[in-house]
Amino acid sequence: MAPLRGAELVQTPLQLYRYLLRCCRQLPTKGIQEHYKHAVRQVRASLGESFQVHSDEDNPERIQQIIRRAIEDADWIMNKYKKQN
Protein backbone atom coordinates (compact mmCIF):
# COMPACT_ATOMS: atom_id res chain seq x y z
CA MET A 1 0.00 0.00 0.00
CA ALA A 2 1.79 3.08 -1.17
CA PRO A 3 0.54 6.44 -0.02
CA LEU A 4 -2.72 7.39 -1.60
CA ARG A 5 -2.69 9.46 -4.72
CA GLY A 6 -2.38 13.12 -3.97
CA ALA A 7 0.21 12.86 -1.19
CA GLU A 8 2.41 15.26 -3.12
CA LEU A 9 -0.38 17.85 -3.08
CA VAL A 10 -0.70 18.01 0.71
CA GLN A 11 0.43 21.49 1.77
CA THR A 12 -1.60 22.43 4.85
CA PRO A 13 -2.37 20.76 8.18
CA LEU A 14 -6.04 20.41 7.18
CA GLN A 15 -5.10 18.68 3.91
CA LEU A 16 -2.78 16.39 5.87
CA TYR A 17 -5.57 15.53 8.30
CA ARG A 18 -7.94 14.61 5.48
CA TYR A 19 -5.24 12.64 3.65
CA LEU A 20 -4.37 10.63 6.76
CA LEU A 21 -8.02 9.82 7.44
CA ARG A 22 -8.31 8.51 3.86
CA CYS A 23 -5.26 6.35 4.52
CA CYS A 24 -6.94 4.94 7.63
CA ARG A 25 -9.87 3.75 5.53
CA GLN A 26 -7.46 1.57 3.54
CA LEU A 27 -6.30 -0.39 6.60
CA PRO A 28 -7.54 -3.97 6.94
CA THR A 29 -9.71 -4.07 10.09
CA LYS A 30 -12.03 -1.70 11.89
CA GLY A 31 -9.96 -1.93 15.07
CA ILE A 32 -6.76 -0.97 13.27
CA GLN A 33 -8.57 1.82 11.44
CA GLU A 34 -9.90 3.25 14.72
CA HIS A 35 -6.48 3.01 16.38
CA TYR A 36 -4.83 5.04 13.62
CA LYS A 37 -7.74 7.49 13.35
CA HIS A 38 -7.11 8.29 17.00
CA ALA A 39 -3.41 8.81 16.24
CA VAL A 40 -4.32 11.08 13.29
CA ARG A 41 -6.48 13.19 15.54
CA GLN A 42 -3.49 13.58 17.85
CA VAL A 43 -1.35 14.72 14.89
CA ARG A 44 -4.03 17.21 13.91
CA ALA A 45 -4.09 18.41 17.48
CA SER A 46 -0.40 19.16 17.14
CA LEU A 47 -0.67 21.13 13.88
CA GLY A 48 -3.77 23.28 13.90
CA GLU A 49 -6.10 25.64 15.69
CA SER A 50 -6.33 24.10 19.17
CA PHE A 51 -2.98 22.47 18.85
CA GLN A 52 -0.68 21.58 21.69
CA VAL A 53 2.73 20.29 20.56
CA HIS A 54 3.41 22.53 17.54
CA SER A 55 0.96 25.33 18.30
CA ASP A 56 3.71 27.94 18.24
CA GLU A 57 5.18 26.68 14.95
CA ASP A 58 5.01 29.43 12.34
CA ASN A 59 7.98 28.48 10.18
CA PRO A 60 6.56 27.29 6.82
CA GLU A 61 9.59 25.08 6.17
CA ARG A 62 9.18 23.34 9.53
CA ILE A 63 5.46 22.83 8.92
CA GLN A 64 6.25 21.23 5.54
CA GLN A 65 8.84 19.02 7.22
CA ILE A 66 6.24 17.85 9.74
CA ILE A 67 3.76 17.16 6.91
CA ARG A 68 6.34 15.17 4.91
CA ARG A 69 7.23 13.10 7.95
CA ALA A 70 3.57 12.32 8.67
CA ILE A 71 3.08 11.13 5.07
CA GLU A 72 6.22 8.97 5.29
CA ASP A 73 4.93 7.47 8.53
CA ALA A 74 1.55 6.75 6.92
CA ASP A 75 3.33 5.03 4.03
CA TRP A 76 5.30 2.87 6.46
CA ILE A 77 2.15 1.86 8.35
CA MET A 78 0.24 1.03 5.19
CA ASN A 79 3.15 -1.07 3.91
CA LYS A 80 3.37 -2.86 7.27
CA TYR A 81 -0.24 -4.02 7.02
CA LYS A 82 0.08 -4.86 3.35
CA LYS A 83 2.94 -7.28 4.17
CA GLN A 84 0.91 -8.89 6.96
CA ASN A 85 -2.00 -9.70 4.63
PDB file of N, CA and C in Angstrom:
ATOM      1  N   MET A   1       0.846  -1.170   0.000  1.00  0.00           N
ATOM      2  CA  MET A   1       0.000   0.000   0.000  1.00  0.00           C
ATOM      3  C   MET A   1       0.890   1.231   0.000  1.00  0.00           C
ATOM      4  N   ALA A   2       1.049   1.824  -1.103  1.00  0.00           N
ATOM      5  CA  ALA A   2       1.789   3.083  -1.168  1.00  0.00           C
ATOM      6  C   ALA A   2       0.872   4.185  -0.679  1.00  0.00           C
ATOM      7  N   PRO A   3       1.437   5.355  -0.410  1.00  0.00           N
ATOM      8  CA  PRO A   3       0.541   6.438  -0.015  1.00  0.00           C
ATOM      9  C   PRO A   3      -0.530   6.641  -1.081  1.00  0.00           C
ATOM     10  N   LEU A   4      -1.638   7.131  -0.656  1.00  0.00           N
ATOM     11  CA  LEU A   4      -2.722   7.390  -1.601  1.00  0.00           C
ATOM     12  C   LEU A   4      -2.301   8.452  -2.597  1.00  0.00           C
ATOM     13  N   ARG A   5      -2.939   8.415  -3.732  1.00  0.00           N
ATOM     14  CA  ARG A   5      -2.687   9.461  -4.721  1.00  0.00           C
ATOM     15  C   ARG A   5      -2.952  10.812  -4.095  1.00  0.00           C
ATOM     16  N   GLY A   6      -2.174  11.766  -4.478  1.00  0.00           N
ATOM     17  CA  GLY A   6      -2.375  13.116  -3.971  1.00  0.00           C
ATOM     18  C   GLY A   6      -1.491  13.476  -2.800  1.00  0.00           C
ATOM     19  N   ALA A   7      -0.666  12.554  -2.330  1.00  0.00           N
ATOM     20  CA  ALA A   7       0.210  12.859  -1.190  1.00  0.00           C
ATOM     21  C   ALA A   7       1.098  14.055  -1.496  1.00  0.00           C
ATOM     22  N   GLU A   8       1.517  14.157  -2.742  1.00  0.00           N
ATOM     23  CA  GLU A   8       2.414  15.260  -3.123  1.00  0.00           C
ATOM     24  C   GLU A   8       1.706  16.614  -3.123  1.00  0.00           C
ATOM     25  N   LEU A   9       0.379  16.608  -3.065  1.00  0.00           N
ATOM     26  CA  LEU A   9      -0.384  17.854  -3.080  1.00  0.00           C
ATOM     27  C   LEU A   9      -0.679  18.392  -1.681  1.00  0.00           C
ATOM     28  N   VAL A  10      -0.399  17.600  -0.664  1.00  0.00           N
ATOM     29  CA  VAL A  10      -0.697  18.010   0.708  1.00  0.00           C
ATOM     30  C   VAL A  10       0.239  19.153   1.095  1.00  0.00           C
ATOM     31  N   GLN A  11      -0.346  20.304   1.424  1.00  0.00           N
ATOM     32  CA  GLN A  11       0.431  21.494   1.774  1.00  0.00           C
ATOM     33  C   GLN A  11       0.054  22.106   3.109  1.00  0.00           C
ATOM     34  N   THR A  12      -1.130  21.801   3.610  1.00  0.00           N
ATOM     35  CA  THR A  12      -1.600  22.426   4.847  1.00  0.00           C
ATOM     36  C   THR A  12      -1.949  21.353   5.878  1.00  0.00           C
ATOM     37  N   PRO A  13      -1.982  21.727   7.149  1.00  0.00           N
ATOM     38  CA  PRO A  13      -2.374  20.759   8.176  1.00  0.00           C
ATOM     39  C   PRO A  13      -3.765  20.158   7.925  1.00  0.00           C
ATOM     40  N   LEU A  14      -4.706  20.942   7.455  1.00  0.00           N
ATOM     41  CA  LEU A  14      -6.038  20.415   7.180  1.00  0.00           C
ATOM     42  C   LEU A  14      -5.997  19.383   6.052  1.00  0.00           C
ATOM     43  N   GLN A  15      -5.253  19.649   4.994  1.00  0.00           N
ATOM     44  CA  GLN A  15      -5.103  18.680   3.905  1.00  0.00           C
ATOM     45  C   GLN A  15      -4.437  17.403   4.411  1.00  0.00           C
ATOM     46  N   LEU A  16      -3.451  17.556   5.286  1.00  0.00           N
ATOM     47  CA  LEU A  16      -2.780  16.389   5.868  1.00  0.00           C
ATOM     48  C   LEU A  16      -3.779  15.562   6.664  1.00  0.00           C
ATOM     49  N   TYR A  17      -4.569  16.220   7.474  1.00  0.00           N
ATOM     50  CA  TYR A  17      -5.566  15.530   8.295  1.00  0.00           C
ATOM     51  C   TYR A  17      -6.514  14.708   7.419  1.00  0.00           C
ATOM     52  N   ARG A  18      -7.028  15.313   6.388  1.00  0.00           N
ATOM     53  CA  ARG A  18      -7.944  14.607   5.483  1.00  0.00           C
ATOM     54  C   ARG A  18      -7.243  13.451   4.777  1.00  0.00           C
ATOM     55  N   TYR A  19      -6.015  13.678   4.332  1.00  0.00           N
ATOM     56  CA  TYR A  19      -5.243  12.640   3.653  1.00  0.00           C
ATOM     57  C   TYR A  19      -5.032  11.439   4.580  1.00  0.00           C
ATOM     58  N   LEU A  20      -4.638  11.712   5.824  1.00  0.00           N
ATOM     59  CA  LEU A  20      -4.371  10.628   6.756  1.00  0.00           C
ATOM     60  C   LEU A  20      -5.642   9.850   7.100  1.00  0.00           C
ATOM     61  N   LEU A  21      -6.759  10.527   7.197  1.00  0.00           N
ATOM     62  CA  LEU A  21      -8.023   9.815   7.436  1.00  0.00           C
ATOM     63  C   LEU A  21      -8.374   8.914   6.254  1.00  0.00           C
ATOM     64  N   ARG A  22      -8.089   9.376   5.031  1.00  0.00           N
ATOM     65  CA  ARG A  22      -8.315   8.512   3.863  1.00  0.00           C
ATOM     66  C   ARG A  22      -7.400   7.294   3.913  1.00  0.00           C
ATOM     67  N   CYS A  23      -6.173   7.479   4.359  1.00  0.00           N
ATOM     68  CA  CYS A  23      -5.258   6.346   4.515  1.00  0.00           C
ATOM     69  C   CYS A  23      -5.825   5.338   5.513  1.00  0.00           C
ATOM     70  N   CYS A  24      -6.385   5.826   6.604  1.00  0.00           N
ATOM     71  CA  CYS A  24      -6.942   4.937   7.628  1.00  0.00           C
ATOM     72  C   CYS A  24      -8.020   4.027   7.048  1.00  0.00           C
ATOM     73  N   ARG A  25      -8.796   4.549   6.129  1.00  0.00           N
ATOM     74  CA  ARG A  25      -9.868   3.745   5.530  1.00  0.00           C
ATOM     75  C   ARG A  25      -9.337   2.589   4.704  1.00  0.00           C
ATOM     76  N   GLN A  26      -8.061   2.630   4.345  1.00  0.00           N
ATOM     77  CA  GLN A  26      -7.456   1.568   3.543  1.00  0.00           C
ATOM     78  C   GLN A  26      -6.903   0.434   4.406  1.00  0.00           C
ATOM     79  N   LEU A  27      -6.848   0.626   5.702  1.00  0.00           N
ATOM     80  CA  LEU A  27      -6.295  -0.388   6.601  1.00  0.00           C
ATOM     81  C   LEU A  27      -7.267  -1.557   6.741  1.00  0.00           C
ATOM     82  N   PRO A  28      -6.752  -2.746   7.075  1.00  0.00           N
ATOM     83  CA  PRO A  28      -7.539  -3.974   6.940  1.00  0.00           C
ATOM     84  C   PRO A  28      -8.708  -4.176   7.894  1.00  0.00           C
ATOM     85  N   THR A  29      -8.606  -3.786   9.164  1.00  0.00           N
ATOM     86  CA  THR A  29      -9.710  -4.069  10.088  1.00  0.00           C
ATOM     87  C   THR A  29     -10.204  -2.786  10.748  1.00  0.00           C
ATOM     88  N   LYS A  30     -11.422  -2.853  11.228  1.00  0.00           N
ATOM     89  CA  LYS A  30     -12.029  -1.699  11.892  1.00  0.00           C
ATOM     90  C   LYS A  30     -11.224  -1.275  13.120  1.00  0.00           C
ATOM     91  N   GLY A  31     -10.737  -2.247  13.878  1.00  0.00           N
ATOM     92  CA  GLY A  31      -9.955  -1.932  15.067  1.00  0.00           C
ATOM     93  C   GLY A  31      -8.675  -1.183  14.732  1.00  0.00           C
ATOM     94  N   ILE A  32      -7.986  -1.636  13.703  1.00  0.00           N
ATOM     95  CA  ILE A  32      -6.759  -0.966  13.268  1.00  0.00           C
ATOM     96  C   ILE A  32      -7.086   0.420  12.744  1.00  0.00           C
ATOM     97  N   GLN A  33      -8.159   0.523  11.979  1.00  0.00           N
ATOM     98  CA  GLN A  33      -8.572   1.823  11.442  1.00  0.00           C
ATOM     99  C   GLN A  33      -8.832   2.807  12.580  1.00  0.00           C
ATOM    100  N   GLU A  34      -9.562   2.366  13.596  1.00  0.00           N
ATOM    101  CA  GLU A  34      -9.897   3.249  14.720  1.00  0.00           C
ATOM    102  C   GLU A  34      -8.647   3.650  15.500  1.00  0.00           C
ATOM    103  N   HIS A  35      -7.725   2.709  15.670  1.00  0.00           N
ATOM    104  CA  HIS A  35      -6.478   3.010  16.381  1.00  0.00           C
ATOM    105  C   HIS A  35      -5.730   4.141  15.676  1.00  0.00           C
ATOM    106  N   TYR A  36      -5.577   4.030  14.355  1.00  0.00           N
ATOM    107  CA  TYR A  36      -4.825   5.038  13.625  1.00  0.00           C
ATOM    108  C   TYR A  36      -5.615   6.332  13.433  1.00  0.00           C
ATOM    109  N   LYS A  37      -6.943   6.257  13.390  1.00  0.00           N
ATOM    110  CA  LYS A  37      -7.736   7.490  13.349  1.00  0.00           C
ATOM    111  C   LYS A  37      -7.492   8.304  14.617  1.00  0.00           C
ATOM    112  N   HIS A  38      -7.405   7.603  15.742  1.00  0.00           N
ATOM    113  CA  HIS A  38      -7.113   8.292  16.999  1.00  0.00           C
ATOM    114  C   HIS A  38      -5.737   8.963  16.918  1.00  0.00           C
ATOM    115  N   ALA A  39      -4.763   8.245  16.380  1.00  0.00           N
ATOM    116  CA  ALA A  39      -3.413   8.814  16.236  1.00  0.00           C
ATOM    117  C   ALA A  39      -3.434  10.022  15.309  1.00  0.00           C
ATOM    118  N   VAL A  40      -4.210   9.954  14.231  1.00  0.00           N
ATOM    119  CA  VAL A  40      -4.319  11.075  13.288  1.00  0.00           C
ATOM    120  C   VAL A  40      -4.901  12.291  13.994  1.00  0.00           C
ATOM    121  N   ARG A  41      -5.887  12.062  14.813  1.00  0.00           N
ATOM    122  CA  ARG A  41      -6.483  13.186  15.544  1.00  0.00           C
ATOM    123  C   ARG A  41      -5.451  13.835  16.469  1.00  0.00           C
ATOM    124  N   GLN A  42      -4.549  13.034  17.017  1.00  0.00           N
ATOM    125  CA  GLN A  42      -3.489  13.583  17.855  1.00  0.00           C
ATOM    126  C   GLN A  42      -2.519  14.413  17.016  1.00  0.00           C
ATOM    127  N   VAL A  43      -2.215  13.955  15.802  1.00  0.00           N
ATOM    128  CA  VAL A  43      -1.348  14.717  14.890  1.00  0.00           C
ATOM    129  C   VAL A  43      -2.026  16.039  14.558  1.00  0.00           C
ATOM    130  N   ARG A  44      -3.310  15.977  14.231  1.00  0.00           N
ATOM    131  CA  ARG A  44      -4.034  17.211  13.913  1.00  0.00           C
ATOM    132  C   ARG A  44      -3.993  18.152  15.109  1.00  0.00           C
ATOM    133  N   ALA A  45      -4.129  17.579  16.272  1.00  0.00           N
ATOM    134  CA  ALA A  45      -4.091  18.409  17.479  1.00  0.00           C
ATOM    135  C   ALA A  45      -2.739  19.081  17.652  1.00  0.00           C
ATOM    136  N   SER A  46      -1.719  18.551  17.008  1.00  0.00           N
ATOM    137  CA  SER A  46      -0.396  19.164  17.141  1.00  0.00           C
ATOM    138  C   SER A  46      -0.091  20.153  16.027  1.00  0.00           C
ATOM    139  N   LEU A  47      -0.976  20.262  15.023  1.00  0.00           N
ATOM    140  CA  LEU A  47      -0.666  21.125  13.883  1.00  0.00           C
ATOM    141  C   LEU A  47      -1.663  22.250  13.625  1.00  0.00           C
ATOM    142  N   GLY A  48      -2.759  22.314  14.312  1.00  0.00           N
ATOM    143  CA  GLY A  48      -3.773  23.280  13.902  1.00  0.00           C
ATOM    144  C   GLY A  48      -4.263  24.210  14.983  1.00  0.00           C
ATOM    145  N   GLU A  49      -5.535  24.573  14.900  1.00  0.00           N
ATOM    146  CA  GLU A  49      -6.104  25.645  15.691  1.00  0.00           C
ATOM    147  C   GLU A  49      -5.968  25.439  17.202  1.00  0.00           C
ATOM    148  N   SER A  50      -6.395  24.315  17.717  1.00  0.00           N
ATOM    149  CA  SER A  50      -6.333  24.099  19.167  1.00  0.00           C
ATOM    150  C   SER A  50      -5.136  23.226  19.513  1.00  0.00           C
ATOM    151  N   PHE A  51      -4.067  23.421  18.805  1.00  0.00           N
ATOM    152  CA  PHE A  51      -2.981  22.472  18.853  1.00  0.00           C
ATOM    153  C   PHE A  51      -2.069  22.666  20.046  1.00  0.00           C
ATOM    154  N   GLN A  52      -1.476  21.561  20.472  1.00  0.00           N
ATOM    155  CA  GLN A  52      -0.679  21.579  21.685  1.00  0.00           C
ATOM    156  C   GLN A  52       0.821  21.544  21.370  1.00  0.00           C
ATOM    157  N   VAL A  53       1.288  20.509  20.727  1.00  0.00           N
ATOM    158  CA  VAL A  53       2.726  20.294  20.563  1.00  0.00           C
ATOM    159  C   VAL A  53       3.385  21.332  19.659  1.00  0.00           C
ATOM    160  N   HIS A  54       2.805  21.599  18.495  1.00  0.00           N
ATOM    161  CA  HIS A  54       3.405  22.528  17.536  1.00  0.00           C
ATOM    162  C   HIS A  54       2.580  23.810  17.390  1.00  0.00           C
ATOM    163  N   SER A  55       1.861  24.179  18.416  1.00  0.00           N
ATOM    164  CA  SER A  55       0.964  25.326  18.300  1.00  0.00           C
ATOM    165  C   SER A  55       1.706  26.630  18.035  1.00  0.00           C
ATOM    166  N   ASP A  56       2.949  26.709  18.451  1.00  0.00           N
ATOM    167  CA  ASP A  56       3.710  27.938  18.238  1.00  0.00           C
ATOM    168  C   ASP A  56       4.542  27.899  16.959  1.00  0.00           C
ATOM    169  N   GLU A  57       4.391  26.835  16.179  1.00  0.00           N
ATOM    170  CA  GLU A  57       5.183  26.682  14.952  1.00  0.00           C
ATOM    171  C   GLU A  57       4.624  27.589  13.864  1.00  0.00           C
ATOM    172  N   ASP A  58       5.448  28.538  13.413  1.00  0.00           N
ATOM    173  CA  ASP A  58       5.014  29.429  12.340  1.00  0.00           C
ATOM    174  C   ASP A  58       5.991  29.440  11.176  1.00  0.00           C
ATOM    175  N   ASN A  59       7.011  28.591  11.248  1.00  0.00           N
ATOM    176  CA  ASN A  59       7.985  28.476  10.179  1.00  0.00           C
ATOM    177  C   ASN A  59       7.423  27.562   9.089  1.00  0.00           C
ATOM    178  N   PRO A  60       7.149  28.100   7.887  1.00  0.00           N
ATOM    179  CA  PRO A  60       6.563  27.289   6.816  1.00  0.00           C
ATOM    180  C   PRO A  60       7.412  26.073   6.443  1.00  0.00           C
ATOM    181  N   GLU A  61       8.728  26.211   6.491  1.00  0.00           N
ATOM    182  CA  GLU A  61       9.594  25.076   6.172  1.00  0.00           C
ATOM    183  C   GLU A  61       9.440  23.962   7.201  1.00  0.00           C
ATOM    184  N   ARG A  62       9.358  24.329   8.460  1.00  0.00           N
ATOM    185  CA  ARG A  62       9.183  23.336   9.531  1.00  0.00           C
ATOM    186  C   ARG A  62       7.826  22.656   9.411  1.00  0.00           C
ATOM    187  N   ILE A  63       6.795  23.413   9.093  1.00  0.00           N
ATOM    188  CA  ILE A  63       5.463  22.827   8.915  1.00  0.00           C
ATOM    189  C   ILE A  63       5.490  21.826   7.769  1.00  0.00           C
ATOM    190  N   GLN A  64       6.148  22.157   6.666  1.00  0.00           N
ATOM    191  CA  GLN A  64       6.250  21.232   5.538  1.00  0.00           C
ATOM    192  C   GLN A  64       7.049  19.992   5.919  1.00  0.00           C
ATOM    193  N   GLN A  65       8.065  20.159   6.750  1.00  0.00           N
ATOM    194  CA  GLN A  65       8.845  19.025   7.218  1.00  0.00           C
ATOM    195  C   GLN A  65       7.967  18.083   8.056  1.00  0.00           C
ATOM    196  N   ILE A  66       7.149  18.643   8.914  1.00  0.00           N
ATOM    197  CA  ILE A  66       6.240  17.850   9.739  1.00  0.00           C
ATOM    198  C   ILE A  66       5.246  17.100   8.845  1.00  0.00           C
ATOM    199  N   ILE A  67       4.711  17.782   7.841  1.00  0.00           N
ATOM    200  CA  ILE A  67       3.756  17.160   6.914  1.00  0.00           C
ATOM    201  C   ILE A  67       4.424  16.006   6.166  1.00  0.00           C
ATOM    202  N   ARG A  68       5.627  16.238   5.633  1.00  0.00           N
ATOM    203  CA  ARG A  68       6.338  15.169   4.907  1.00  0.00           C
ATOM    204  C   ARG A  68       6.576  13.960   5.795  1.00  0.00           C
ATOM    205  N   ARG A  69       6.963  14.212   7.026  1.00  0.00           N
ATOM    206  CA  ARG A  69       7.231  13.104   7.947  1.00  0.00           C
ATOM    207  C   ARG A  69       5.952  12.317   8.241  1.00  0.00           C
ATOM    208  N   ALA A  70       4.840  13.001   8.405  1.00  0.00           N
ATOM    209  CA  ALA A  70       3.568  12.321   8.671  1.00  0.00           C
ATOM    210  C   ALA A  70       3.174  11.449   7.478  1.00  0.00           C
ATOM    211  N   ILE A  71       3.398  11.923   6.260  1.00  0.00           N
ATOM    212  CA  ILE A  71       3.081  11.132   5.066  1.00  0.00           C
ATOM    213  C   ILE A  71       4.003   9.920   4.976  1.00  0.00           C
ATOM    214  N   GLU A  72       5.280  10.103   5.284  1.00  0.00           N
ATOM    215  CA  GLU A  72       6.221   8.975   5.292  1.00  0.00           C
ATOM    216  C   GLU A  72       5.796   7.936   6.332  1.00  0.00           C
ATOM    217  N   ASP A  73       5.382   8.388   7.493  1.00  0.00           N
ATOM    218  CA  ASP A  73       4.928   7.467   8.533  1.00  0.00           C
ATOM    219  C   ASP A  73       3.683   6.708   8.088  1.00  0.00           C
ATOM    220  N   ALA A  74       2.762   7.407   7.427  1.00  0.00           N
ATOM    221  CA  ALA A  74       1.549   6.746   6.919  1.00  0.00           C
ATOM    222  C   ALA A  74       1.915   5.687   5.890  1.00  0.00           C
ATOM    223  N   ASP A  75       2.866   5.990   5.026  1.00  0.00           N
ATOM    224  CA  ASP A  75       3.329   5.033   4.025  1.00  0.00           C
ATOM    225  C   ASP A  75       3.901   3.790   4.710  1.00  0.00           C
ATOM    226  N   TRP A  76       4.705   3.991   5.739  1.00  0.00           N
ATOM    227  CA  TRP A  76       5.297   2.868   6.460  1.00  0.00           C
ATOM    228  C   TRP A  76       4.219   1.989   7.089  1.00  0.00           C
ATOM    229  N   ILE A  77       3.234   2.614   7.707  1.00  0.00           N
ATOM    230  CA  ILE A  77       2.148   1.864   8.350  1.00  0.00           C
ATOM    231  C   ILE A  77       1.360   1.081   7.321  1.00  0.00           C
ATOM    232  N   MET A  78       1.020   1.715   6.218  1.00  0.00           N
ATOM    233  CA  MET A  78       0.235   1.030   5.192  1.00  0.00           C
ATOM    234  C   MET A  78       1.021  -0.147   4.611  1.00  0.00           C
ATOM    235  N   ASN A  79       2.320   0.022   4.403  1.00  0.00           N
ATOM    236  CA  ASN A  79       3.153  -1.069   3.908  1.00  0.00           C
ATOM    237  C   ASN A  79       3.255  -2.204   4.930  1.00  0.00           C
ATOM    238  N   LYS A  80       3.314  -1.854   6.189  1.00  0.00           N
ATOM    239  CA  LYS A  80       3.367  -2.861   7.268  1.00  0.00           C
ATOM    240  C   LYS A  80       2.153  -3.777   7.193  1.00  0.00           C
ATOM    241  N   TYR A  81       0.972  -3.208   7.056  1.00  0.00           N
ATOM    242  CA  TYR A  81      -0.239  -4.019   7.024  1.00  0.00           C
ATOM    243  C   TYR A  81      -0.411  -4.738   5.694  1.00  0.00           C
ATOM    244  N   LYS A  82       0.137  -4.190   4.645  1.00  0.00           N
ATOM    245  CA  LYS A  82       0.084  -4.865   3.345  1.00  0.00           C
ATOM    246  C   LYS A  82       0.895  -6.160   3.425  1.00  0.00           C
ATOM    247  N   LYS A  83       2.070  -6.100   4.051  1.00  0.00           N
ATOM    248  CA  LYS A  83       2.935  -7.278   4.174  1.00  0.00           C
ATOM    249  C   LYS A  83       2.313  -8.341   5.068  1.00  0.00           C
ATOM    250  N   GLN A  84       1.538  -7.929   6.047  1.00  0.00           N
ATOM    251  CA  GLN A  84       0.907  -8.892   6.964  1.00  0.00           C
ATOM    252  C   GLN A  84      -0.233  -9.649   6.289  1.00  0.00           C
ATOM    253  N   ASN A  85      -0.845  -9.050   5.282  1.00  0.00           N
ATOM    254  CA  ASN A  85      -2.004  -9.698   4.633  1.00  0.00           C
ATOM    255  C   ASN A  85      -1.591 -10.596   3.533  1.00  0.00           C
TER     256      ASN A  85
END
